[in-house]
Amino acid sequence: MNKEIKIIECPRDAMQGIETFIDTQKKIDYINKLLQVGFDTIDFGSFVSAKAIPQLRDTEEVLKHLNLSETNSKLLAIVANTRGAEDASKFNEIDYLGFPFSVSETFQLRNTNSTIEQSLIRVEEIQNICHKTNKKLVVYLSMGFGNPYGDKWNPDIVISWAEKLKNLDVSIMALSDTVGVSNPENINLLFKDLIPEFLSVEFGAHLHSTPQTAKEKISAVLNAGCYRIDAAIHGFGGCPMATDDLTGNIATEILLETLADHNFILKINQKVFAESMLMADIVFPKH
């Protein structure tokens, strides 16, 4: 296909819920390897409270040692508030700031200690920081496919918040299936509604899945016209602020297989990707 596919590799999401601290040098070596694969973007770290996410307390140190001179991959860092955005924006190496904006009130309070309306104000503040520091803001519509808390959900709610975010000049939004409740039907329904409605917005998919259902979800995303997809090698990761058993990320290797099935031409160095998979087995504790 002639459509460009953007793969966002997410070692940050893979690492953040692991209690055993991963050595900083291991993180540096692993992310440097990922930077050689050919991914569009590496979601590499976060500027959040070390108390909230202790695994990523060394993000600044990791950033200092990344080899960015010989890669076309861009860097994305997650922030949860204005202070985090200010800290992250000081680094020219970072291209994107990602903010988790939940359409579930319960989860937004759990994840960022703020209501949805308060978070909308944060988005505006973070967007202003991005404009001043030449960053782009990526907003993740967390619990975009439903939630386990009993909070009201339907596609119109998601579309309504997307409209408000667009009015704040947010041009990249990733629908996030934080607890693995997406399926081909609701994936198709949401993207088929959102993409034609907001032509100036680049929509992405950040799905959590079991290995058994990953391919059908990816296919639904592609068939609905979304060509920005987050993944993590071996499907590691999950959100430590969620109340589920941490359904993992879409596995990058399954994503690449599915993209090949759909005849996408990929600019991936397969040899380095294979090396990255072997390194992941060393970096991540057995769990």
C-alpha atoms as a PDB file:
ATOM      1  CA  MET A   1       0.000   0.000   0.000  1.00  0.00           C
ATOM      2  CA  ASN A   2       1.077   3.570  -0.619  1.00  0.00           C
ATOM      3  CA  LYS A   3      -0.186   4.747   2.747  1.00  0.00           C
ATOM      4  CA  GLU A   4       2.560   5.553   5.218  1.00  0.00           C
ATOM      5  CA  ILE A   5       2.264   3.613   8.457  1.00  0.00           C
ATOM      6  CA  LYS A   6       3.655   5.152  11.633  1.00  0.00           C
ATOM      7  CA  ILE A   7       4.775   2.650  14.255  1.00  0.00           C
ATOM      8  CA  ILE A   8       5.251   4.087  17.722  1.00  0.00           C
ATOM      9  CA  GLU A   9       7.387   1.698  19.785  1.00  0.00           C
ATOM     10  CA  CYS A  10       6.614   2.046  23.499  1.00  0.00           C
ATOM     11  CA  PRO A  11       9.378   0.874  25.850  1.00  0.00           C
ATOM     12  CA  ARG A  12       8.090   3.424  28.381  1.00  0.00           C
ATOM     13  CA  ASP A  13       4.704   1.731  28.525  1.00  0.00           C
ATOM     14  CA  ALA A  14       6.385  -1.664  28.655  1.00  0.00           C
ATOM     15  CA  MET A  15       8.528  -0.657  31.632  1.00  0.00           C
ATOM     16  CA  GLN A  16       6.318   1.587  33.740  1.00  0.00           C
ATOM     17  CA  GLY A  17       4.336  -1.096  35.565  1.00  0.00           C
ATOM     18  CA  ILE A  18       7.309  -3.291  36.480  1.00  0.00           C
ATOM     19  CA  GLU A  19       8.112  -3.113  40.195  1.00  0.00           C
ATOM     20  CA  THR A  20      11.676  -4.411  39.955  1.00  0.00           C
ATOM     21  CA  PHE A  21      13.809  -1.440  38.920  1.00  0.00           C
ATOM     22  CA  ILE A  22      15.439  -1.914  35.535  1.00  0.00           C
ATOM     23  CA  ASP A  23      19.043  -0.738  35.561  1.00  0.00           C
ATOM     24  CA  THR A  24      19.475   2.638  33.875  1.00  0.00           C
ATOM     25  CA  GLN A  25      22.247   1.397  31.603  1.00  0.00           C
ATOM     26  CA  LYS A  26      20.020  -1.456  30.420  1.00  0.00           C
ATOM     27  CA  LYS A  27      17.344   1.079  29.508  1.00  0.00           C
ATOM     28  CA  ILE A  28      19.873   3.213  27.639  1.00  0.00           C
ATOM     29  CA  ASP A  29      21.232   0.261  25.664  1.00  0.00           C
ATOM     30  CA  TYR A  30      17.757  -1.033  24.841  1.00  0.00           C
ATOM     31  CA  ILE A  31      16.354   2.282  23.656  1.00  0.00           C
ATOM     32  CA  ASN A  32      19.492   2.964  21.633  1.00  0.00           C
ATOM     33  CA  LYS A  33      18.942  -0.369  19.907  1.00  0.00           C
ATOM     34  CA  LEU A  34      15.298   0.539  19.205  1.00  0.00           C
ATOM     35  CA  LEU A  35      16.421   3.830  17.685  1.00  0.00           C
ATOM     36  CA  GLN A  36      18.230   1.823  14.997  1.00  0.00           C
ATOM     37  CA  VAL A  37      15.199  -0.250  13.952  1.00  0.00           C
ATOM     38  CA  GLY A  38      13.376   2.354  11.888  1.00  0.00           C
ATOM     39  CA  PHE A  39      10.306   3.095  14.005  1.00  0.00           C
ATOM     40  CA  ASP A  40       8.652   6.458  13.442  1.00  0.00           C
ATOM     41  CA  THR A  41       8.699   7.333  17.143  1.00  0.00           C
ATOM     42  CA  ILE A  42      10.020   5.902  20.404  1.00  0.00           C
ATOM     43  CA  ASP A  43       7.828   6.507  23.470  1.00  0.00           C
ATOM     44  CA  PHE A  44      10.894   6.398  25.677  1.00  0.00           C
ATOM     45  CA  GLY A  45      10.108   7.882  29.111  1.00  0.00           C
ATOM     46  CA  SER A  46       7.958  10.129  31.242  1.00  0.00           C
ATOM     47  CA  PHE A  47       8.256  13.288  33.269  1.00  0.00           C
ATOM     48  CA  VAL A  48       5.945  12.360  36.109  1.00  0.00           C
ATOM     49  CA  SER A  49       6.301  11.984  39.853  1.00  0.00           C
ATOM     50  CA  ALA A  50       8.897   9.385  40.822  1.00  0.00           C
ATOM     51  CA  LYS A  51       6.533   8.391  43.606  1.00  0.00           C
ATOM     52  CA  ALA A  52       3.775   7.642  41.094  1.00  0.00           C
ATOM     53  CA  ILE A  53       5.953   5.833  38.530  1.00  0.00           C
ATOM     54  CA  PRO A  54       9.241   4.894  40.264  1.00  0.00           C
ATOM     55  CA  GLN A  55      10.405   2.789  37.316  1.00  0.00           C
ATOM     56  CA  LEU A  56      10.868   5.905  35.186  1.00  0.00           C
ATOM     57  CA  ARG A  57      12.584   8.146  37.709  1.00  0.00           C
ATOM     58  CA  ASP A  58      15.740   8.015  35.576  1.00  0.00           C
ATOM     59  CA  THR A  59      14.204   9.361  32.345  1.00  0.00           C
ATOM     60  CA  GLU A  60      16.444  12.439  32.256  1.00  0.00           C
ATOM     61  CA  GLU A  61      19.550  10.319  32.758  1.00  0.00           C
ATOM     62  CA  VAL A  62      18.473   7.923  30.016  1.00  0.00           C
ATOM     63  CA  LEU A  63      17.873  10.829  27.644  1.00  0.00           C
ATOM     64  CA  LYS A  64      21.408  12.149  28.139  1.00  0.00           C
ATOM     65  CA  HIS A  65      22.861   8.955  26.693  1.00  0.00           C
ATOM     66  CA  LEU A  66      20.652   8.302  23.680  1.00  0.00           C
ATOM     67  CA  ASN A  67      22.368   8.191  20.304  1.00  0.00           C
ATOM     68  CA  LEU A  68      20.176  10.437  18.165  1.00  0.00           C
ATOM     69  CA  SER A  69      22.666  11.477  15.503  1.00  0.00           C
ATOM     70  CA  GLU A  70      22.110   8.405  13.298  1.00  0.00           C
ATOM     71  CA  THR A  71      18.378   7.835  13.607  1.00  0.00           C
ATOM     72  CA  ASN A  72      15.264   9.268  12.002  1.00  0.00           C
ATOM     73  CA  SER A  73      13.093   8.110  14.895  1.00  0.00           C
ATOM     74  CA  LYS A  74      11.527  10.824  17.021  1.00  0.00           C
ATOM     75  CA  LEU A  75      11.194  10.832  20.815  1.00  0.00           C
ATOM     76  CA  LEU A  76       7.963  11.055  22.796  1.00  0.00           C
ATOM     77  CA  ALA A  77       7.718  11.595  26.548  1.00  0.00           C
ATOM     78  CA  ILE A  78       4.594  11.280  28.671  1.00  0.00           C
ATOM     79  CA  VAL A  79       3.590  14.086  31.032  1.00  0.00           C
ATOM     80  CA  ALA A  80       0.712  14.242  33.496  1.00  0.00           C
ATOM     81  CA  ASN A  81       0.618  17.933  34.345  1.00  0.00           C
ATOM     82  CA  THR A  82       2.026  21.352  33.477  1.00  0.00           C
ATOM     83  CA  ARG A  83       5.124  20.919  35.613  1.00  0.00           C
ATOM     84  CA  GLY A  84       6.028  17.722  33.804  1.00  0.00           C
ATOM     85  CA  ALA A  85       5.490  19.449  30.482  1.00  0.00           C
ATOM     86  CA  GLU A  86       7.767  22.316  31.511  1.00  0.00           C
ATOM     87  CA  ASP A  87      10.474  19.850  32.560  1.00  0.00           C
ATOM     88  CA  ALA A  88      10.224  17.799  29.363  1.00  0.00           C
ATOM     89  CA  SER A  89      10.103  20.844  27.099  1.00  0.00           C
ATOM     90  CA  LYS A  90      13.596  21.893  28.212  1.00  0.00           C
ATOM     91  CA  PHE A  91      15.066  19.086  26.123  1.00  0.00           C
ATOM     92  CA  ASN A  92      15.465  19.791  22.427  1.00  0.00           C
ATOM     93  CA  GLU A  93      15.840  16.060  21.799  1.00  0.00           C
ATOM     94  CA  ILE A  94      12.170  15.445  22.619  1.00  0.00           C
ATOM     95  CA  ASP A  95       9.759  15.925  19.715  1.00  0.00           C
ATOM     96  CA  TYR A  96       6.412  14.996  21.277  1.00  0.00           C
ATOM     97  CA  LEU A  97       4.757  15.402  24.662  1.00  0.00           C
ATOM     98  CA  GLY A  98       2.045  12.845  25.350  1.00  0.00           C
ATOM     99  CA  PHE A  99      -0.820  13.515  27.766  1.00  0.00           C
ATOM    100  CA  PRO A 100      -3.325  10.879  28.951  1.00  0.00           C
ATOM    101  CA  PHE A 101      -6.809  12.376  28.744  1.00  0.00           C
ATOM    102  CA  SER A 102      -9.434   9.927  29.917  1.00  0.00           C
ATOM    103  CA  VAL A 103     -13.070   9.928  28.862  1.00  0.00           C
ATOM    104  CA  SER A 104     -13.678   8.047  32.142  1.00  0.00           C
ATOM    105  CA  GLU A 105     -13.916  10.402  35.117  1.00  0.00           C
ATOM    106  CA  THR A 106     -12.883   7.640  37.535  1.00  0.00           C
ATOM    107  CA  PHE A 107      -9.752   6.773  35.594  1.00  0.00           C
ATOM    108  CA  GLN A 108      -8.744  10.393  35.037  1.00  0.00           C
ATOM    109  CA  LEU A 109      -8.788  10.930  38.792  1.00  0.00           C
ATOM    110  CA  ARG A 110      -6.782   7.744  39.351  1.00  0.00           C
ATOM    111  CA  ASN A 111      -4.273   8.476  36.612  1.00  0.00           C
ATOM    112  CA  THR A 112      -3.617  12.235  36.888  1.00  0.00           C
ATOM    113  CA  ASN A 113      -5.423  13.216  40.109  1.00  0.00           C
ATOM    114  CA  SER A 114      -7.734  15.568  38.233  1.00  0.00           C
ATOM    115  CA  THR A 115     -11.238  15.619  36.812  1.00  0.00           C
ATOM    116  CA  ILE A 116     -11.812  15.556  33.075  1.00  0.00           C
ATOM    117  CA  GLU A 117     -12.680  19.252  33.038  1.00  0.00           C
ATOM    118  CA  GLN A 118      -9.532  20.071  35.026  1.00  0.00           C
ATOM    119  CA  SER A 119      -7.546  17.940  32.592  1.00  0.00           C
ATOM    120  CA  LEU A 120      -8.932  19.900  29.664  1.00  0.00           C
ATOM    121  CA  ILE A 121      -7.413  23.018  31.255  1.00  0.00           C
ATOM    122  CA  ARG A 122      -4.130  21.126  31.617  1.00  0.00           C
ATOM    123  CA  VAL A 123      -4.237  20.228  27.938  1.00  0.00           C
ATOM    124  CA  GLU A 124      -4.547  23.908  27.072  1.00  0.00           C
ATOM    125  CA  GLU A 125      -1.634  24.780  29.362  1.00  0.00           C
ATOM    126  CA  ILE A 126       0.525  21.991  27.962  1.00  0.00           C
ATOM    127  CA  GLN A 127      -0.393  22.974  24.415  1.00  0.00           C
ATOM    128  CA  ASN A 128       0.816  26.520  25.128  1.00  0.00           C
ATOM    129  CA  ILE A 129       4.125  25.094  26.371  1.00  0.00           C
ATOM    130  CA  CYS A 130       4.405  22.968  23.229  1.00  0.00           C
ATOM    131  CA  HIS A 131       3.838  25.968  20.993  1.00  0.00           C
ATOM    132  CA  LYS A 132       6.523  27.962  22.813  1.00  0.00           C
ATOM    133  CA  THR A 133       9.104  25.164  22.741  1.00  0.00           C
ATOM    134  CA  ASN A 134       8.491  23.692  19.288  1.00  0.00           C
ATOM    135  CA  LYS A 135       6.982  20.409  20.520  1.00  0.00           C
ATOM    136  CA  LYS A 136       3.901  18.602  19.285  1.00  0.00           C
ATOM    137  CA  LEU A 137       1.231  17.420  21.698  1.00  0.00           C
ATOM    138  CA  VAL A 138      -0.165  13.903  21.461  1.00  0.00           C
ATOM    139  CA  VAL A 139      -3.339  13.393  23.498  1.00  0.00           C
ATOM    140  CA  TYR A 140      -4.270   9.840  24.422  1.00  0.00           C
ATOM    141  CA  LEU A 141      -8.019   9.345  24.752  1.00  0.00           C
ATOM    142  CA  SER A 142      -7.729   6.827  27.587  1.00  0.00           C
ATOM    143  CA  MET A 143     -10.601   4.391  28.157  1.00  0.00           C
ATOM    144  CA  GLY A 144     -11.616   5.354  24.619  1.00  0.00           C
ATOM    145  CA  PHE A 145     -13.353   2.029  24.020  1.00  0.00           C
ATOM    146  CA  GLY A 146     -15.041   1.653  27.393  1.00  0.00           C
ATOM    147  CA  ASN A 147     -14.107   1.286  31.054  1.00  0.00           C
ATOM    148  CA  PRO A 148     -14.534  -1.165  33.937  1.00  0.00           C
ATOM    149  CA  TYR A 149     -15.724   1.464  36.421  1.00  0.00           C
ATOM    150  CA  GLY A 150     -19.325   1.858  35.338  1.00  0.00           C
ATOM    151  CA  ASP A 151     -18.709   5.370  33.969  1.00  0.00           C
ATOM    152  CA  LYS A 152     -21.009   6.198  31.064  1.00  0.00           C
ATOM    153  CA  TRP A 153     -19.442   5.470  27.676  1.00  0.00           C
ATOM    154  CA  ASN A 154     -20.612   5.682  24.100  1.00  0.00           C
ATOM    155  CA  PRO A 155     -19.049   6.879  20.818  1.00  0.00           C
ATOM    156  CA  ASP A 156     -20.749  10.270  21.092  1.00  0.00           C
ATOM    157  CA  ILE A 157     -18.906  10.933  24.369  1.00  0.00           C
ATOM    158  CA  VAL A 158     -15.561  10.208  22.695  1.00  0.00           C
ATOM    159  CA  ILE A 159     -16.451  12.388  19.702  1.00  0.00           C
ATOM    160  CA  SER A 160     -17.532  15.233  21.993  1.00  0.00           C
ATOM    161  CA  TRP A 161     -14.198  15.273  23.851  1.00  0.00           C
ATOM    162  CA  ALA A 162     -12.312  14.977  20.556  1.00  0.00           C
ATOM    163  CA  GLU A 163     -14.133  18.106  19.385  1.00  0.00           C
ATOM    164  CA  LYS A 164     -13.070  20.000  22.519  1.00  0.00           C
ATOM    165  CA  LEU A 165      -9.472  18.875  22.068  1.00  0.00           C
ATOM    166  CA  LYS A 166      -9.474  19.885  18.408  1.00  0.00           C
ATOM    167  CA  ASN A 167     -10.623  23.331  19.484  1.00  0.00           C
ATOM    168  CA  LEU A 168      -7.413  23.514  21.535  1.00  0.00           C
ATOM    169  CA  ASP A 169      -5.424  22.849  18.364  1.00  0.00           C
ATOM    170  CA  VAL A 170      -4.610  19.251  19.282  1.00  0.00           C
ATOM    171  CA  SER A 171      -3.680  17.645  15.965  1.00  0.00           C
ATOM    172  CA  ILE A 172      -2.686  14.145  17.128  1.00  0.00           C
ATOM    173  CA  MET A 173      -5.062  11.978  19.174  1.00  0.00           C
ATOM    174  CA  ALA A 174      -4.572   8.313  19.985  1.00  0.00           C
ATOM    175  CA  LEU A 175      -7.573   6.256  21.022  1.00  0.00           C
ATOM    176  CA  SER A 176      -6.367   4.186  23.964  1.00  0.00           C
ATOM    177  CA  ASP A 177      -7.813   0.857  24.994  1.00  0.00           C
ATOM    178  CA  THR A 178      -6.410   0.991  28.498  1.00  0.00           C
ATOM    179  CA  VAL A 179      -7.951  -2.255  29.757  1.00  0.00           C
ATOM    180  CA  GLY A 180      -8.315  -4.346  26.619  1.00  0.00           C
ATOM    181  CA  VAL A 181     -12.050  -3.931  25.959  1.00  0.00           C
ATOM    182  CA  SER A 182     -11.743  -2.995  22.293  1.00  0.00           C
ATOM    183  CA  ASN A 183     -12.944  -5.323  19.562  1.00  0.00           C
ATOM    184  CA  PRO A 184     -13.164  -5.063  15.763  1.00  0.00           C
ATOM    185  CA  GLU A 185     -16.703  -3.711  15.964  1.00  0.00           C
ATOM    186  CA  ASN A 186     -16.093  -0.767  18.309  1.00  0.00           C
ATOM    187  CA  ILE A 187     -12.692  -0.048  16.724  1.00  0.00           C
ATOM    188  CA  ASN A 188     -14.336   0.254  13.316  1.00  0.00           C
ATOM    189  CA  LEU A 189     -17.250   2.264  14.703  1.00  0.00           C
ATOM    190  CA  LEU A 190     -15.084   4.868  16.418  1.00  0.00           C
ATOM    191  CA  PHE A 191     -12.457   5.420  13.744  1.00  0.00           C
ATOM    192  CA  LYS A 192     -15.007   5.437  10.918  1.00  0.00           C
ATOM    193  CA  ASP A 193     -16.826   8.228  12.785  1.00  0.00           C
ATOM    194  CA  LEU A 194     -13.802  10.211  13.954  1.00  0.00           C
ATOM    195  CA  ILE A 195     -11.487  10.227  10.943  1.00  0.00           C
ATOM    196  CA  PRO A 196     -13.924  11.819   8.434  1.00  0.00           C
ATOM    197  CA  GLU A 197     -15.248  14.195  11.115  1.00  0.00           C
ATOM    198  CA  PHE A 198     -11.826  15.633  11.998  1.00  0.00           C
ATOM    199  CA  LEU A 199      -9.796  15.673   8.806  1.00  0.00           C
ATOM    200  CA  SER A 200      -7.090  17.905  10.300  1.00  0.00           C
ATOM    201  CA  VAL A 201      -6.415  15.431  13.143  1.00  0.00           C
ATOM    202  CA  GLU A 202      -4.027  12.503  12.908  1.00  0.00           C
ATOM    203  CA  PHE A 203      -5.631   9.625  14.780  1.00  0.00           C
ATOM    204  CA  GLY A 204      -3.670   6.791  16.319  1.00  0.00           C
ATOM    205  CA  ALA A 205      -4.439   3.550  18.095  1.00  0.00           C
ATOM    206  CA  HIS A 206      -2.922   2.521  21.415  1.00  0.00           C
ATOM    207  CA  LEU A 207      -4.485  -0.865  22.051  1.00  0.00           C
ATOM    208  CA  HIS A 208      -4.023  -3.377  24.816  1.00  0.00           C
ATOM    209  CA  SER A 209      -4.722  -6.944  23.836  1.00  0.00           C
ATOM    210  CA  THR A 210      -4.095 -10.604  24.395  1.00  0.00           C
ATOM    211  CA  PRO A 211      -1.881 -12.182  21.720  1.00  0.00           C
ATOM    212  CA  GLN A 212      -4.901 -14.145  20.482  1.00  0.00           C
ATOM    213  CA  THR A 213      -6.942 -11.056  19.581  1.00  0.00           C
ATOM    214  CA  ALA A 214      -4.159  -8.691  18.497  1.00  0.00           C
ATOM    215  CA  LYS A 215      -4.295  -9.372  14.747  1.00  0.00           C
ATOM    216  CA  GLU A 216      -8.012  -8.850  14.428  1.00  0.00           C
ATOM    217  CA  LYS A 217      -7.777  -5.564  16.314  1.00  0.00           C
ATOM    218  CA  ILE A 218      -4.889  -4.320  14.176  1.00  0.00           C
ATOM    219  CA  SER A 219      -6.743  -5.286  10.995  1.00  0.00           C
ATOM    220  CA  ALA A 220      -9.815  -3.373  12.178  1.00  0.00           C
ATOM    221  CA  VAL A 221      -7.662  -0.283  12.820  1.00  0.00           C
ATOM    222  CA  LEU A 222      -6.141  -0.436   9.345  1.00  0.00           C
ATOM    223  CA  ASN A 223      -9.435  -1.146   7.603  1.00  0.00           C
ATOM    224  CA  ALA A 224     -10.937   1.904   9.327  1.00  0.00           C
ATOM    225  CA  GLY A 225      -8.203   4.120   7.865  1.00  0.00           C
ATOM    226  CA  CYS A 226      -5.972   4.654  10.917  1.00  0.00           C
ATOM    227  CA  TYR A 227      -2.269   4.397  10.128  1.00  0.00           C
ATOM    228  CA  ARG A 228      -0.617   5.358  13.400  1.00  0.00           C
ATOM    229  CA  ILE A 229      -0.270   2.413  15.792  1.00  0.00           C
ATOM    230  CA  ASP A 230       1.476   1.995  19.152  1.00  0.00           C
ATOM    231  CA  ALA A 231       3.121  -1.297  20.074  1.00  0.00           C
ATOM    232  CA  ALA A 232       5.720  -2.840  22.386  1.00  0.00           C
ATOM    233  CA  ILE A 233       8.028  -5.761  21.718  1.00  0.00           C
ATOM    234  CA  HIS A 234       6.611  -9.021  23.141  1.00  0.00           C
ATOM    235  CA  GLY A 235       3.467  -7.147  24.156  1.00  0.00           C
ATOM    236  CA  PHE A 236       5.042  -6.103  27.436  1.00  0.00           C
ATOM    237  CA  GLY A 237       3.343  -3.435  29.503  1.00  0.00           C
ATOM    238  CA  GLY A 238       0.079  -2.111  30.768  1.00  0.00           C
ATOM    239  CA  CYS A 239      -1.147   0.763  32.867  1.00  0.00           C
ATOM    240  CA  PRO A 240      -0.267   0.538  36.580  1.00  0.00           C
ATOM    241  CA  MET A 241      -3.108   2.938  37.382  1.00  0.00           C
ATOM    242  CA  ALA A 242      -5.763   0.623  35.957  1.00  0.00           C
ATOM    243  CA  THR A 243      -7.625  -1.937  38.041  1.00  0.00           C
ATOM    244  CA  ASP A 244      -7.352  -4.852  35.618  1.00  0.00           C
ATOM    245  CA  ASP A 245      -4.705  -7.567  35.400  1.00  0.00           C
ATOM    246  CA  LEU A 246      -2.701  -5.477  32.930  1.00  0.00           C
ATOM    247  CA  THR A 247      -3.628  -6.809  29.541  1.00  0.00           C
ATOM    248  CA  GLY A 248      -0.462  -6.207  27.560  1.00  0.00           C
ATOM    249  CA  ASN A 249       0.295  -3.867  24.687  1.00  0.00           C
ATOM    250  CA  ILE A 250      -0.029  -4.926  21.075  1.00  0.00           C
ATOM    251  CA  ALA A 251       3.139  -6.939  20.405  1.00  0.00           C
ATOM    252  CA  THR A 252       5.329  -5.249  17.811  1.00  0.00           C
ATOM    253  CA  GLU A 253       6.176  -8.551  16.158  1.00  0.00           C
ATOM    254  CA  ILE A 254       2.448  -9.284  15.681  1.00  0.00           C
ATOM    255  CA  LEU A 255       1.922  -5.764  14.345  1.00  0.00           C
ATOM    256  CA  LEU A 256       4.685  -6.221  11.768  1.00  0.00           C
ATOM    257  CA  GLU A 257       3.242  -9.584  10.689  1.00  0.00           C
ATOM    258  CA  THR A 258      -0.221  -8.057  10.289  1.00  0.00           C
ATOM    259  CA  LEU A 259       1.092  -5.087   8.337  1.00  0.00           C
ATOM    260  CA  ALA A 260       2.858  -7.512   5.981  1.00  0.00           C
ATOM    261  CA  ASP A 261      -0.430  -9.414   5.581  1.00  0.00           C
ATOM    262  CA  HIS A 262      -2.017  -6.113   4.515  1.00  0.00           C
ATOM    263  CA  ASN A 263       0.829  -5.508   2.026  1.00  0.00           C
ATOM    264  CA  PHE A 264       2.327  -2.484   3.738  1.00  0.00           C
ATOM    265  CA  ILE A 265       5.925  -1.783   2.778  1.00  0.00           C
ATOM    266  CA  LEU A 266       7.869  -1.262   5.997  1.00  0.00           C
ATOM    267  CA  LYS A 267      11.091   0.667   6.519  1.00  0.00           C
ATOM    268  CA  ILE A 268      12.209  -1.632   9.305  1.00  0.00           C
ATOM    269  CA  ASN A 269      15.703  -3.057   9.729  1.00  0.00           C
ATOM    270  CA  GLN A 270      14.704  -6.655  10.378  1.00  0.00           C
ATOM    271  CA  LYS A 271      18.143  -7.670  11.633  1.00  0.00           C
ATOM    272  CA  VAL A 272      18.218  -4.920  14.267  1.00  0.00           C
ATOM    273  CA  PHE A 273      14.602  -5.660  15.175  1.00  0.00           C
ATOM    274  CA  ALA A 274      15.526  -9.294  15.839  1.00  0.00           C
ATOM    275  CA  GLU A 275      18.400  -8.086  18.028  1.00  0.00           C
ATOM    276  CA  SER A 276      15.970  -5.815  19.879  1.00  0.00           C
ATOM    277  CA  MET A 277      13.675  -8.755  20.612  1.00  0.00           C
ATOM    278  CA  LEU A 278      16.565 -10.725  22.059  1.00  0.00           C
ATOM    279  CA  MET A 279      17.629  -7.735  24.148  1.00  0.00           C
ATOM    280  CA  ALA A 280      14.075  -7.327  25.473  1.00  0.00           C
ATOM    281  CA  ASP A 281      14.302 -10.807  26.968  1.00  0.00           C
ATOM    282  CA  ILE A 282      17.282  -9.619  28.987  1.00  0.00           C
ATOM    283  CA  VAL A 283      16.002  -6.158  29.901  1.00  0.00           C
ATOM    284  CA  PHE A 284      12.590  -7.192  31.203  1.00  0.00           C
ATOM    285  CA  PRO A 285      12.332  -9.409  34.266  1.00  0.00           C
ATOM    286  CA  LYS A 286      10.489 -12.671  33.757  1.00  0.00           C
ATOM    287  CA  HIS A 287       6.839 -12.156  34.641  1.00  0.00           C
END
